[in-house]
């Protein structure tokens, strides 16, 4: 009988603690890397597939495809000078809910800074904002391709 009462008491306490638990959204931290070293994080398969992103001597500005993912849409505009990325502007970044919008607002400046530093679309995804990152990279690469093929 004592074991049953103790088990019920422990279960009740665990349920109360779980019901009072409030999860907070993840905070994206850090800045775009300033140097590339051997200790840099591994590139995603999408980034690895884009070799020679700064190759060629194309110049111009183009808007990339609107990339949709399960948490929103992303579209960017890229400017290239002599085949190298010189500017990226976000045309659209729309999260489907407040949480997605918060992630987007934290990830967008980091992605932009990394793209400008790399001078190409060959950048890493931001941890905690994978869908937004992949959509951003896809739209960016689409814009770069449009300039090069113009």
N, C-alpha and C. Protein backbone atom coordinates (compact mmCIF):
# COMPACT_ATOMS: atom_id res chain seq x y z
N UNK A 1 0.83 -1.19 0.00
CA UNK A 1 0.00 0.00 0.00
C UNK A 1 0.87 1.26 0.00
N UNK A 2 1.96 1.25 0.77
CA UNK A 2 2.83 2.41 0.83
C UNK A 2 3.46 2.69 -0.54
N UNK A 3 3.83 1.63 -1.24
CA UNK A 3 4.45 1.79 -2.56
C UNK A 3 3.46 2.38 -3.56
N UNK A 4 2.22 2.00 -3.45
CA UNK A 4 1.19 2.52 -4.36
C UNK A 4 0.98 4.01 -4.11
N UNK A 5 0.91 4.41 -2.87
CA UNK A 5 0.72 5.82 -2.53
C UNK A 5 1.94 6.63 -2.98
N UNK A 6 3.13 6.10 -2.75
CA UNK A 6 4.35 6.80 -3.17
C UNK A 6 4.40 6.94 -4.69
N UNK A 7 4.02 5.89 -5.42
CA UNK A 7 4.02 5.94 -6.88
C UNK A 7 3.02 6.96 -7.40
N UNK A 8 1.84 7.00 -6.79
CA UNK A 8 0.83 7.98 -7.20
C UNK A 8 1.28 9.41 -6.91
N UNK A 9 1.92 9.61 -5.77
CA UNK A 9 2.42 10.93 -5.41
C UNK A 9 3.51 11.40 -6.38
N UNK A 10 4.44 10.53 -6.71
CA UNK A 10 5.51 10.87 -7.66
C UNK A 10 4.91 11.17 -9.03
N UNK A 11 3.94 10.37 -9.45
CA UNK A 11 3.29 10.58 -10.74
C UNK A 11 2.57 11.93 -10.76
N UNK A 12 1.86 12.25 -9.69
CA UNK A 12 1.14 13.52 -9.61
C UNK A 12 2.10 14.71 -9.69
N UNK A 13 3.21 14.63 -8.98
CA UNK A 13 4.21 15.70 -9.01
C UNK A 13 4.79 15.85 -10.41
N UNK A 14 5.08 14.73 -11.09
CA UNK A 14 5.63 14.77 -12.44
C UNK A 14 4.63 15.40 -13.41
N UNK A 15 3.36 15.07 -13.28
CA UNK A 15 2.33 15.65 -14.15
C UNK A 15 2.23 17.15 -13.93
N UNK A 16 2.24 17.59 -12.68
CA UNK A 16 2.16 19.02 -12.38
C UNK A 16 3.36 19.76 -12.97
N UNK A 17 4.55 19.19 -12.83
CA UNK A 17 5.75 19.82 -13.39
C UNK A 17 5.68 19.90 -14.91
N UNK A 18 5.22 18.85 -15.55
CA UNK A 18 5.10 18.86 -17.01
C UNK A 18 4.07 19.87 -17.49
N UNK A 19 2.97 20.00 -16.79
CA UNK A 19 1.94 20.97 -17.19
C UNK A 19 2.41 22.41 -17.02
N UNK A 20 3.30 22.65 -16.08
CA UNK A 20 3.80 24.00 -15.84
C UNK A 20 5.03 24.34 -16.66
N UNK A 21 5.55 23.39 -17.41
CA UNK A 21 6.75 23.61 -18.22
C UNK A 21 6.41 24.51 -19.39
N UNK A 22 7.16 25.56 -19.56
CA UNK A 22 6.95 26.48 -20.67
C UNK A 22 8.20 26.48 -21.53
N UNK A 23 8.04 25.98 -22.74
CA UNK A 23 9.17 25.94 -23.67
C UNK A 23 9.31 27.30 -24.32
N UNK A 24 10.52 27.77 -24.45
CA UNK A 24 10.76 29.03 -25.14
C UNK A 24 11.34 28.72 -26.51
N UNK A 25 11.11 29.59 -27.50
CA UNK A 25 11.65 29.33 -28.83
C UNK A 25 13.17 29.37 -28.80
N UNK A 26 13.80 28.60 -29.68
CA UNK A 26 15.26 28.61 -29.69
C UNK A 26 15.80 29.96 -30.12
N UNK A 27 16.88 30.36 -29.53
CA UNK A 27 17.52 31.62 -29.89
C UNK A 27 18.68 31.31 -30.83
N UNK A 28 18.67 31.94 -31.98
CA UNK A 28 19.77 31.77 -32.92
C UNK A 28 20.88 32.69 -32.47
N UNK A 29 22.05 32.14 -32.31
CA UNK A 29 23.16 32.94 -31.81
C UNK A 29 24.31 32.89 -32.78
N UNK A 30 25.20 33.79 -32.59
CA UNK A 30 26.40 33.78 -33.40
C UNK A 30 26.31 34.78 -34.53
N UNK A 31 27.39 34.86 -35.24
CA UNK A 31 27.47 35.73 -36.40
C UNK A 31 27.99 34.93 -37.56
N UNK A 32 27.93 35.51 -38.70
CA UNK A 32 28.48 34.82 -39.87
C UNK A 32 29.97 34.65 -39.66
N UNK A 33 30.53 33.54 -40.09
CA UNK A 33 31.96 33.31 -39.89
C UNK A 33 32.80 34.35 -40.60
N UNK A 34 33.93 34.71 -39.99
CA UNK A 34 34.78 35.72 -40.59
C UNK A 34 35.93 35.11 -41.38
N UNK A 35 36.24 33.86 -41.11
CA UNK A 35 37.29 33.19 -41.86
C UNK A 35 36.87 31.76 -42.11
N UNK A 36 37.43 31.16 -43.12
CA UNK A 36 37.18 29.75 -43.39
C UNK A 36 38.42 28.98 -42.98
N UNK A 37 38.23 28.02 -42.08
CA UNK A 37 39.34 27.22 -41.60
C UNK A 37 38.98 25.76 -41.71
N UNK A 38 39.93 24.90 -41.42
CA UNK A 38 39.67 23.46 -41.45
C UNK A 38 38.65 23.07 -40.40
N UNK A 39 38.48 23.88 -39.36
CA UNK A 39 37.54 23.55 -38.30
C UNK A 39 36.14 24.08 -38.59
N UNK A 40 35.93 24.68 -39.76
CA UNK A 40 34.62 25.21 -40.11
C UNK A 40 33.62 24.08 -40.20
N UNK A 41 32.32 24.38 -39.90
CA UNK A 41 31.31 23.34 -39.97
C UNK A 41 31.16 22.80 -41.38
N UNK A 42 30.73 21.56 -41.46
CA UNK A 42 30.55 20.91 -42.76
C UNK A 42 29.44 21.61 -43.53
N UNK A 43 29.62 21.72 -44.81
CA UNK A 43 28.61 22.32 -45.67
C UNK A 43 27.47 21.34 -45.88
N UNK A 44 26.29 21.90 -46.10
CA UNK A 44 25.16 21.03 -46.41
C UNK A 44 25.31 20.52 -47.83
N UNK A 45 24.57 19.50 -48.15
CA UNK A 45 24.67 18.93 -49.50
C UNK A 45 24.26 19.94 -50.55
N UNK A 46 23.32 20.83 -50.23
CA UNK A 46 22.92 21.86 -51.19
C UNK A 46 24.07 22.83 -51.46
N UNK A 47 24.81 23.18 -50.41
CA UNK A 47 25.94 24.08 -50.59
C UNK A 47 27.08 23.41 -51.33
N UNK A 48 27.30 22.11 -51.07
CA UNK A 48 28.36 21.39 -51.76
C UNK A 48 28.10 21.28 -53.25
N UNK A 49 26.83 21.23 -53.62
CA UNK A 49 26.48 21.05 -55.02
C UNK A 49 26.79 22.29 -55.85
N UNK A 50 26.93 23.42 -55.19
CA UNK A 50 27.16 24.66 -55.92
C UNK A 50 28.65 24.98 -55.94
N UNK A 51 29.38 24.36 -56.81
CA UNK A 51 30.79 24.65 -56.94
C UNK A 51 30.97 25.75 -57.96
N UNK A 52 31.95 26.56 -57.74
CA UNK A 52 32.25 27.63 -58.69
C UNK A 52 31.19 28.70 -58.72
N UNK A 53 30.57 29.01 -57.58
CA UNK A 53 29.48 29.98 -57.55
C UNK A 53 29.95 31.37 -57.97
N UNK A 54 31.22 31.68 -57.79
CA UNK A 54 31.69 33.01 -58.15
C UNK A 54 32.40 33.02 -59.50
N UNK A 55 32.33 31.90 -60.22
CA UNK A 55 33.02 31.82 -61.51
C UNK A 55 32.32 32.67 -62.56
N UNK A 56 33.05 33.08 -63.57
CA UNK A 56 32.46 33.87 -64.64
C UNK A 56 32.59 35.35 -64.36
N UNK A 57 32.31 36.16 -65.36
CA UNK A 57 32.47 37.59 -65.20
C UNK A 57 31.17 38.35 -65.33
N UNK A 58 30.04 37.71 -65.09
CA UNK A 58 28.74 38.35 -65.25
C UNK A 58 28.54 39.46 -64.24
N UNK A 59 27.80 40.48 -64.67
CA UNK A 59 27.43 41.58 -63.79
C UNK A 59 25.96 41.88 -64.00
N UNK A 60 25.29 42.26 -62.93
CA UNK A 60 23.88 42.62 -63.02
C UNK A 60 23.15 42.28 -61.75
N UNK A 61 21.85 42.51 -61.77
CA UNK A 61 20.98 42.25 -60.63
C UNK A 61 19.80 41.42 -61.09
N UNK A 62 19.42 40.44 -60.28
CA UNK A 62 18.26 39.61 -60.60
C UNK A 62 17.58 39.18 -59.31
N UNK A 63 16.29 38.93 -59.42
CA UNK A 63 15.52 38.43 -58.29
C UNK A 63 15.40 36.92 -58.44
N UNK A 64 15.70 36.21 -57.38
CA UNK A 64 15.62 34.76 -57.39
C UNK A 64 14.20 34.26 -57.31
N UNK A 65 14.06 32.97 -57.46
CA UNK A 65 12.75 32.33 -57.36
C UNK A 65 12.19 32.48 -55.94
N UNK A 66 10.87 32.56 -55.84
CA UNK A 66 10.21 32.53 -54.54
C UNK A 66 10.26 31.09 -54.06
N UNK A 67 10.98 30.85 -52.99
CA UNK A 67 11.16 29.50 -52.45
C UNK A 67 10.19 29.31 -51.29
N UNK A 68 9.38 28.27 -51.39
CA UNK A 68 8.40 27.98 -50.36
C UNK A 68 8.85 26.77 -49.55
N UNK A 69 8.65 26.86 -48.24
CA UNK A 69 8.91 25.74 -47.35
C UNK A 69 7.76 25.65 -46.37
N UNK A 70 7.75 24.64 -45.54
CA UNK A 70 6.58 24.41 -44.70
C UNK A 70 6.31 25.50 -43.67
N UNK A 71 7.28 26.40 -43.43
CA UNK A 71 7.08 27.45 -42.45
C UNK A 71 7.04 28.85 -43.07
N UNK A 72 7.02 28.95 -44.40
CA UNK A 72 6.94 30.27 -45.02
C UNK A 72 7.60 30.33 -46.38
N UNK A 73 7.83 31.55 -46.84
CA UNK A 73 8.41 31.81 -48.15
C UNK A 73 9.64 32.71 -48.01
N UNK A 74 10.57 32.53 -48.95
CA UNK A 74 11.77 33.37 -48.97
C UNK A 74 12.08 33.71 -50.42
N UNK A 75 12.43 34.97 -50.67
CA UNK A 75 12.88 35.40 -52.00
C UNK A 75 13.92 36.50 -51.81
N UNK A 76 15.01 36.40 -52.56
CA UNK A 76 16.07 37.39 -52.46
C UNK A 76 16.44 37.93 -53.83
N UNK A 77 17.10 39.07 -53.82
CA UNK A 77 17.62 39.70 -55.03
C UNK A 77 19.13 39.78 -54.88
N UNK A 78 19.86 39.38 -55.91
CA UNK A 78 21.32 39.36 -55.86
C UNK A 78 21.90 40.29 -56.90
N UNK A 79 22.99 40.95 -56.54
CA UNK A 79 23.74 41.79 -57.46
C UNK A 79 25.14 41.21 -57.58
N UNK A 80 25.55 40.99 -58.82
CA UNK A 80 26.90 40.48 -59.10
C UNK A 80 27.68 41.52 -59.87
N UNK A 81 28.96 41.60 -59.59
CA UNK A 81 29.88 42.45 -60.34
C UNK A 81 31.08 41.59 -60.67
N UNK A 82 31.35 41.44 -61.95
CA UNK A 82 32.46 40.59 -62.41
C UNK A 82 32.37 39.17 -61.84
N UNK A 83 31.16 38.64 -61.79
CA UNK A 83 30.96 37.26 -61.35
C UNK A 83 30.93 37.06 -59.86
N UNK A 84 31.11 38.11 -59.07
CA UNK A 84 31.12 37.97 -57.62
C UNK A 84 29.93 38.70 -57.01
N UNK A 85 29.35 38.08 -56.01
CA UNK A 85 28.21 38.65 -55.31
C UNK A 85 28.64 39.91 -54.55
N UNK A 86 27.97 41.02 -54.83
CA UNK A 86 28.30 42.27 -54.15
C UNK A 86 27.18 42.79 -53.27
N UNK A 87 25.95 42.29 -53.48
CA UNK A 87 24.82 42.72 -52.65
C UNK A 87 23.74 41.67 -52.68
N UNK A 88 23.04 41.53 -51.55
CA UNK A 88 21.87 40.65 -51.44
C UNK A 88 20.81 41.42 -50.68
N UNK A 89 19.62 41.48 -51.24
CA UNK A 89 18.49 42.11 -50.58
C UNK A 89 17.37 41.09 -50.46
N UNK A 90 16.73 41.06 -49.32
CA UNK A 90 15.60 40.15 -49.13
C UNK A 90 14.36 40.83 -49.69
N UNK A 91 13.74 40.17 -50.65
CA UNK A 91 12.52 40.68 -51.27
C UNK A 91 11.31 40.24 -50.44
N UNK A 92 11.31 38.98 -50.02
CA UNK A 92 10.21 38.44 -49.20
C UNK A 92 10.77 37.41 -48.24
N UNK A 93 10.31 37.48 -47.00
CA UNK A 93 10.61 36.44 -46.02
C UNK A 93 9.42 36.43 -45.08
N UNK A 94 8.54 35.49 -45.32
CA UNK A 94 7.25 35.46 -44.63
C UNK A 94 7.07 34.15 -43.88
N UNK A 95 7.12 34.22 -42.56
CA UNK A 95 6.85 33.04 -41.74
C UNK A 95 5.36 32.86 -41.57
N UNK A 96 4.93 31.62 -41.41
CA UNK A 96 3.50 31.34 -41.31
C UNK A 96 2.92 31.66 -39.93
N UNK A 97 3.79 31.80 -38.94
CA UNK A 97 3.31 32.11 -37.59
C UNK A 97 4.37 32.95 -36.87
N UNK A 98 4.06 33.38 -35.68
CA UNK A 98 4.98 34.23 -34.92
C UNK A 98 6.33 33.59 -34.66
N UNK A 99 6.32 32.31 -34.36
CA UNK A 99 7.58 31.60 -34.09
C UNK A 99 8.46 31.58 -35.34
N UNK A 100 7.86 31.27 -36.49
CA UNK A 100 8.61 31.25 -37.75
C UNK A 100 9.12 32.64 -38.10
N UNK A 101 8.32 33.65 -37.86
CA UNK A 101 8.74 35.02 -38.15
C UNK A 101 9.92 35.42 -37.26
N UNK A 102 9.92 34.98 -36.02
CA UNK A 102 11.03 35.28 -35.12
C UNK A 102 12.31 34.61 -35.62
N UNK A 103 12.21 33.36 -36.01
CA UNK A 103 13.38 32.65 -36.54
C UNK A 103 13.88 33.34 -37.80
N UNK A 104 12.95 33.68 -38.71
CA UNK A 104 13.33 34.36 -39.95
C UNK A 104 14.06 35.67 -39.68
N UNK A 105 13.55 36.45 -38.73
CA UNK A 105 14.16 37.76 -38.45
C UNK A 105 15.56 37.62 -37.86
N UNK A 106 15.83 36.52 -37.18
CA UNK A 106 17.16 36.30 -36.63
C UNK A 106 18.10 35.71 -37.67
N UNK A 107 17.57 34.85 -38.54
CA UNK A 107 18.42 34.15 -39.51
C UNK A 107 18.79 35.02 -40.71
N UNK A 108 17.88 35.86 -41.16
CA UNK A 108 18.10 36.62 -42.40
C UNK A 108 19.37 37.46 -42.39
N UNK A 109 19.65 38.25 -41.35
CA UNK A 109 20.90 39.03 -41.39
C UNK A 109 22.16 38.15 -41.35
N UNK A 110 22.08 37.01 -40.68
CA UNK A 110 23.23 36.11 -40.64
C UNK A 110 23.48 35.49 -42.01
N UNK A 111 22.41 35.09 -42.69
CA UNK A 111 22.54 34.52 -44.03
C UNK A 111 23.08 35.55 -45.01
N UNK A 112 22.56 36.78 -44.92
CA UNK A 112 23.03 37.85 -45.81
C UNK A 112 24.51 38.12 -45.59
N UNK A 113 24.91 38.23 -44.33
CA UNK A 113 26.32 38.51 -44.02
C UNK A 113 27.23 37.39 -44.53
N UNK A 114 26.79 36.16 -44.36
CA UNK A 114 27.62 35.03 -44.81
C UNK A 114 27.73 35.02 -46.33
N UNK A 115 26.62 35.31 -47.03
CA UNK A 115 26.65 35.33 -48.50
C UNK A 115 27.57 36.44 -49.00
N UNK A 116 27.50 37.61 -48.39
CA UNK A 116 28.35 38.72 -48.81
C UNK A 116 29.82 38.44 -48.52
N UNK A 117 30.08 37.78 -47.41
CA UNK A 117 31.46 37.43 -47.10
C UNK A 117 31.99 36.40 -48.10
N UNK A 118 31.17 35.41 -48.42
CA UNK A 118 31.57 34.37 -49.37
C UNK A 118 31.57 34.88 -50.81
N UNK A 119 30.87 36.00 -51.03
CA UNK A 119 30.71 36.59 -52.37
C UNK A 119 30.09 35.59 -53.34
N UNK A 120 29.26 34.69 -52.80
CA UNK A 120 28.61 33.67 -53.62
C UNK A 120 27.42 33.11 -52.86
N UNK A 121 26.76 32.15 -53.48
CA UNK A 121 25.65 31.47 -52.83
C UNK A 121 26.08 30.22 -52.10
N UNK A 122 27.36 29.98 -52.02
CA UNK A 122 27.88 28.79 -51.36
C UNK A 122 28.10 29.09 -49.88
N UNK A 123 27.00 28.98 -49.12
CA UNK A 123 27.04 29.31 -47.70
C UNK A 123 26.42 28.17 -46.89
N UNK A 124 26.66 28.20 -45.59
CA UNK A 124 26.11 27.21 -44.68
C UNK A 124 24.70 27.59 -44.25
N UNK A 125 23.96 26.58 -43.81
CA UNK A 125 22.66 26.84 -43.21
C UNK A 125 22.88 27.32 -41.78
N UNK A 126 21.90 28.02 -41.24
CA UNK A 126 21.94 28.49 -39.87
C UNK A 126 21.25 27.45 -38.99
N UNK A 127 21.94 26.99 -37.98
CA UNK A 127 21.37 26.01 -37.06
C UNK A 127 20.14 26.60 -36.39
N UNK A 128 19.06 25.85 -36.39
CA UNK A 128 17.80 26.34 -35.82
C UNK A 128 16.91 27.02 -36.84
N UNK A 129 17.44 27.25 -38.03
CA UNK A 129 16.66 27.89 -39.10
C UNK A 129 16.94 27.18 -40.42
N UNK A 130 16.92 25.87 -40.38
CA UNK A 130 17.31 25.08 -41.54
C UNK A 130 16.40 25.33 -42.74
N UNK A 131 15.09 25.32 -42.54
CA UNK A 131 14.17 25.52 -43.67
C UNK A 131 14.34 26.91 -44.28
N UNK A 132 14.42 27.92 -43.43
CA UNK A 132 14.63 29.28 -43.91
C UNK A 132 15.96 29.38 -44.64
N UNK A 133 17.01 28.79 -44.09
CA UNK A 133 18.33 28.83 -44.71
C UNK A 133 18.33 28.18 -46.08
N UNK A 134 17.75 26.99 -46.17
CA UNK A 134 17.74 26.29 -47.45
C UNK A 134 16.94 27.06 -48.50
N UNK A 135 15.83 27.67 -48.09
CA UNK A 135 15.04 28.47 -49.02
C UNK A 135 15.81 29.72 -49.44
N UNK A 136 16.48 30.36 -48.50
CA UNK A 136 17.29 31.55 -48.79
C UNK A 136 18.40 31.20 -49.78
N UNK A 137 19.10 30.11 -49.51
CA UNK A 137 20.20 29.68 -50.38
C UNK A 137 19.67 29.33 -51.77
N UNK A 138 18.53 28.67 -51.83
CA UNK A 138 17.94 28.32 -53.12
C UNK A 138 17.55 29.54 -53.93
N UNK A 139 16.93 30.52 -53.30
CA UNK A 139 16.54 31.74 -53.99
C UNK A 139 17.77 32.53 -54.42
N UNK A 140 18.77 32.59 -53.54
CA UNK A 140 20.01 33.29 -53.86
C UNK A 140 20.70 32.66 -55.07
N UNK A 141 20.81 31.34 -55.06
CA UNK A 141 21.45 30.67 -56.19
C UNK A 141 20.66 30.87 -57.46
N UNK A 142 19.35 30.90 -57.37
CA UNK A 142 18.51 31.14 -58.53
C UNK A 142 18.78 32.54 -59.12
N UNK A 143 18.90 33.52 -58.23
CA UNK A 143 19.20 34.88 -58.68
C UNK A 143 20.58 34.96 -59.33
N UNK A 144 21.57 34.32 -58.73
CA UNK A 144 22.93 34.30 -59.28
C UNK A 144 22.91 33.66 -60.65
N UNK A 145 22.21 32.55 -60.80
CA UNK A 145 22.12 31.86 -62.08
C UNK A 145 21.46 32.74 -63.14
N UNK A 146 20.44 33.50 -62.75
CA UNK A 146 19.76 34.39 -63.71
C UNK A 146 20.72 35.46 -64.23
N UNK A 147 21.54 36.02 -63.35
CA UNK A 147 22.50 37.04 -63.79
C UNK A 147 23.50 36.42 -64.73
N UNK A 148 24.00 35.26 -64.38
CA UNK A 148 25.02 34.61 -65.22
C UNK A 148 24.48 34.19 -66.58
N UNK A 149 23.21 33.82 -66.63
CA UNK A 149 22.63 33.34 -67.88
C UNK A 149 21.97 34.43 -68.70
N UNK A 150 22.02 35.66 -68.22
CA UNK A 150 21.36 36.77 -68.93
C UNK A 150 22.17 37.18 -70.15
